[in-house]
């Protein structure tokens, strides 16, 4: 028979395991960006490749370490902003299928416009921007959010 302590710790352990897995997945997502940017930082000459480790390489490592926190923070801010813009949960109608069909395949839609399609280029650009500016964002964003929160409080009291 399980004790009360063992039963109550299971949701917390599951949450920590899920959070750890999420951060590890984000580190895996950022690893190719790190490798590509470090290789681009190296010196290329005719017939020769010189591996370079300098201040830019250290900055890229710091960006790699800070990327998951910035990504999670932006996701949290986007969800909060979306919830603020749409406070009521109204059921959404299903979007109609696209009326444009591929040439030669009259029954195959090119795109279904249901909102479920994945846009690779904007997501890749967002990941690259988050990666490149992660340390700067981690330094500036809390100050901006604190200022914004204080400004709202001042407007409500004033």
Protein backbone atom coordinates (compact mmCIF):
# COMPACT_ATOMS: atom_id res chain seq x y z
CA UNK A 1 0.00 0.00 0.00
CA UNK A 2 1.31 3.43 -0.94
CA UNK A 3 1.63 6.13 1.61
CA UNK A 4 0.03 9.55 1.19
CA UNK A 5 3.48 11.08 0.62
CA UNK A 6 4.20 8.76 -2.34
CA UNK A 7 0.82 9.45 -3.96
CA UNK A 8 1.08 13.24 -3.65
CA UNK A 9 4.61 13.36 -5.15
CA UNK A 10 3.64 11.62 -8.39
CA UNK A 11 2.05 14.67 -10.12
CA UNK A 12 5.04 16.81 -9.14
CA UNK A 13 7.48 14.21 -10.48
CA UNK A 14 5.49 13.95 -13.71
CA UNK A 15 5.51 17.73 -14.08
CA UNK A 16 9.27 17.93 -13.48
CA UNK A 17 9.91 15.08 -15.92
CA UNK A 18 7.76 16.78 -18.57
CA UNK A 19 9.48 20.12 -17.99
CA UNK A 20 12.92 18.50 -18.20
CA UNK A 21 11.97 16.68 -21.39
CA UNK A 22 10.70 19.95 -22.87
CA UNK A 23 13.95 21.78 -22.11
CA UNK A 24 16.04 18.90 -23.47
CA UNK A 25 13.96 18.95 -26.67
CA UNK A 26 14.59 22.70 -26.98
CA UNK A 27 18.33 22.16 -26.48
CA UNK A 28 18.22 19.51 -29.23
CA UNK A 29 16.33 21.96 -31.46
CA UNK A 30 18.97 24.65 -30.93
CA UNK A 31 22.00 22.39 -31.38
CA UNK A 32 22.01 22.54 -35.22
CA UNK A 33 21.76 26.34 -35.06
CA UNK A 34 24.75 26.44 -32.70
CA UNK A 35 26.85 24.15 -34.90
CA UNK A 36 26.02 26.05 -38.10
CA UNK A 37 26.75 29.45 -36.57
CA UNK A 38 30.05 28.26 -35.03
CA UNK A 39 31.10 26.83 -38.40
CA UNK A 40 30.19 30.12 -40.08
CA UNK A 41 32.38 31.87 -37.51
CA UNK A 42 35.42 29.85 -38.64
CA UNK A 43 37.92 31.01 -41.23
CA UNK A 44 37.61 29.69 -44.77
CA UNK A 45 40.52 30.16 -47.17
CA UNK A 46 41.21 28.57 -50.52
CA UNK A 47 41.73 24.88 -49.86
CA UNK A 48 41.94 25.35 -46.09
CA UNK A 49 39.59 25.40 -43.12
CA UNK A 50 40.73 26.96 -39.85
CA UNK A 51 38.58 26.30 -36.79
CA UNK A 52 38.30 29.49 -34.74
CA UNK A 53 37.23 29.81 -31.13
CA UNK A 54 36.84 33.43 -30.09
CA UNK A 55 34.44 35.80 -28.29
CA UNK A 56 31.71 35.21 -30.86
CA UNK A 57 31.91 31.47 -30.23
CA UNK A 58 31.51 32.02 -26.49
CA UNK A 59 28.54 34.30 -27.17
CA UNK A 60 26.96 31.54 -29.27
CA UNK A 61 27.43 29.06 -26.41
CA UNK A 62 25.73 31.50 -24.02
CA UNK A 63 22.92 31.90 -26.59
CA UNK A 64 22.58 28.11 -26.72
CA UNK A 65 22.31 27.87 -22.93
CA UNK A 66 19.73 30.69 -22.74
CA UNK A 67 17.60 29.64 -25.74
CA UNK A 68 15.12 27.30 -23.95
CA UNK A 69 14.28 29.90 -21.31
CA UNK A 70 13.66 32.59 -23.92
CA UNK A 71 11.58 30.23 -26.06
CA UNK A 72 9.40 29.18 -23.11
CA UNK A 73 9.08 32.81 -21.97
CA UNK A 74 7.95 33.95 -25.44
CA UNK A 75 5.46 31.08 -25.66
CA UNK A 76 4.08 32.08 -22.26
CA UNK A 77 3.78 35.73 -23.31
CA UNK A 78 2.10 34.79 -26.60
CA UNK A 79 -0.43 32.57 -24.85
CA UNK A 80 -1.15 35.26 -22.28
CA UNK A 81 -1.56 37.87 -25.02
CA UNK A 82 -3.85 35.59 -27.03
CA UNK A 83 -5.98 34.92 -23.96
CA UNK A 84 -6.18 38.66 -23.25
CA UNK A 85 -7.34 39.37 -26.81
CA UNK A 86 -9.91 36.54 -26.78
CA UNK A 87 -11.31 36.38 -23.23
CA UNK A 88 -14.33 34.25 -24.07
CA UNK A 89 -14.01 30.72 -25.33
CA UNK A 90 -16.44 30.64 -28.21
CA UNK A 91 -16.50 27.60 -30.46
CA UNK A 92 -14.85 28.27 -33.77
CA UNK A 93 -16.37 27.17 -37.04
CA UNK A 94 -14.34 24.78 -39.10
CA UNK A 95 -12.69 26.60 -41.99
CA UNK A 96 -13.74 25.49 -45.48
CA UNK A 97 -11.35 23.56 -47.66
CA UNK A 98 -9.37 25.49 -50.22
CA UNK A 99 -11.09 26.09 -53.52
CA UNK A 100 -7.82 26.03 -55.42
CA UNK A 101 -6.92 22.60 -56.69
CA UNK A 102 -3.71 21.23 -58.11
CA UNK A 103 -3.50 21.07 -61.89
CA UNK A 104 -4.22 17.56 -63.14
CA UNK A 105 -5.56 16.40 -59.77
CA UNK A 106 -9.06 17.91 -59.59
CA UNK A 107 -9.97 16.34 -56.25
CA UNK A 108 -6.75 17.20 -54.34
CA UNK A 109 -6.66 20.57 -52.54
CA UNK A 110 -3.33 22.38 -52.49
CA UNK A 111 -3.84 23.61 -48.94
CA UNK A 112 -6.77 23.23 -46.55
CA UNK A 113 -6.44 26.57 -44.68
CA UNK A 114 -7.72 25.00 -41.48
CA UNK A 115 -5.02 26.63 -39.37
CA UNK A 116 -3.40 23.30 -38.62
CA UNK A 117 -0.75 23.55 -41.32
CA UNK A 118 2.78 24.12 -40.15
CA UNK A 119 4.70 27.14 -41.44
CA UNK A 120 8.36 26.12 -41.33
CA UNK A 121 10.04 29.36 -42.40
CA UNK A 122 8.45 31.69 -39.79
CA UNK A 123 9.13 29.15 -37.03
CA UNK A 124 12.74 28.77 -38.16
CA UNK A 125 13.17 32.55 -38.29
CA UNK A 126 11.66 32.91 -34.80
CA UNK A 127 14.00 30.20 -33.45
CA UNK A 128 17.01 31.91 -35.07
CA UNK A 129 16.08 35.32 -33.63
CA UNK A 130 15.41 33.84 -30.19
CA UNK A 131 18.72 31.98 -30.33
CA UNK A 132 20.78 34.94 -31.53
CA UNK A 133 19.40 37.46 -29.05
CA UNK A 134 18.64 35.13 -26.10
CA UNK A 135 21.10 36.67 -23.58
CA UNK A 136 20.01 40.19 -24.48
CA UNK A 137 16.35 39.23 -24.22
CA UNK A 138 16.90 37.63 -20.82
CA UNK A 139 18.49 40.85 -19.58
CA UNK A 140 16.03 43.35 -21.07
CA UNK A 141 12.64 41.59 -20.96
CA UNK A 142 12.24 41.41 -17.15
CA UNK A 143 13.01 45.13 -16.89
CA UNK A 144 10.47 45.94 -19.62
CA UNK A 145 7.80 43.72 -18.06
CA UNK A 146 8.42 45.28 -14.65
CA UNK A 147 8.16 48.76 -16.10
CA UNK A 148 4.97 47.84 -17.96
CA UNK A 149 3.43 46.28 -14.84
CA UNK A 150 4.34 49.36 -12.78
CA UNK A 151 2.93 51.65 -15.47
CA UNK A 152 -0.39 49.75 -15.44
CA UNK A 153 -0.55 49.91 -11.66
CA UNK A 154 0.12 53.65 -11.80
CA UNK A 155 -2.69 54.12 -14.36
CA UNK A 156 -5.14 52.14 -12.22
CA UNK A 157 -4.27 54.09 -9.06
CA UNK A 158 -3.98 57.47 -10.77
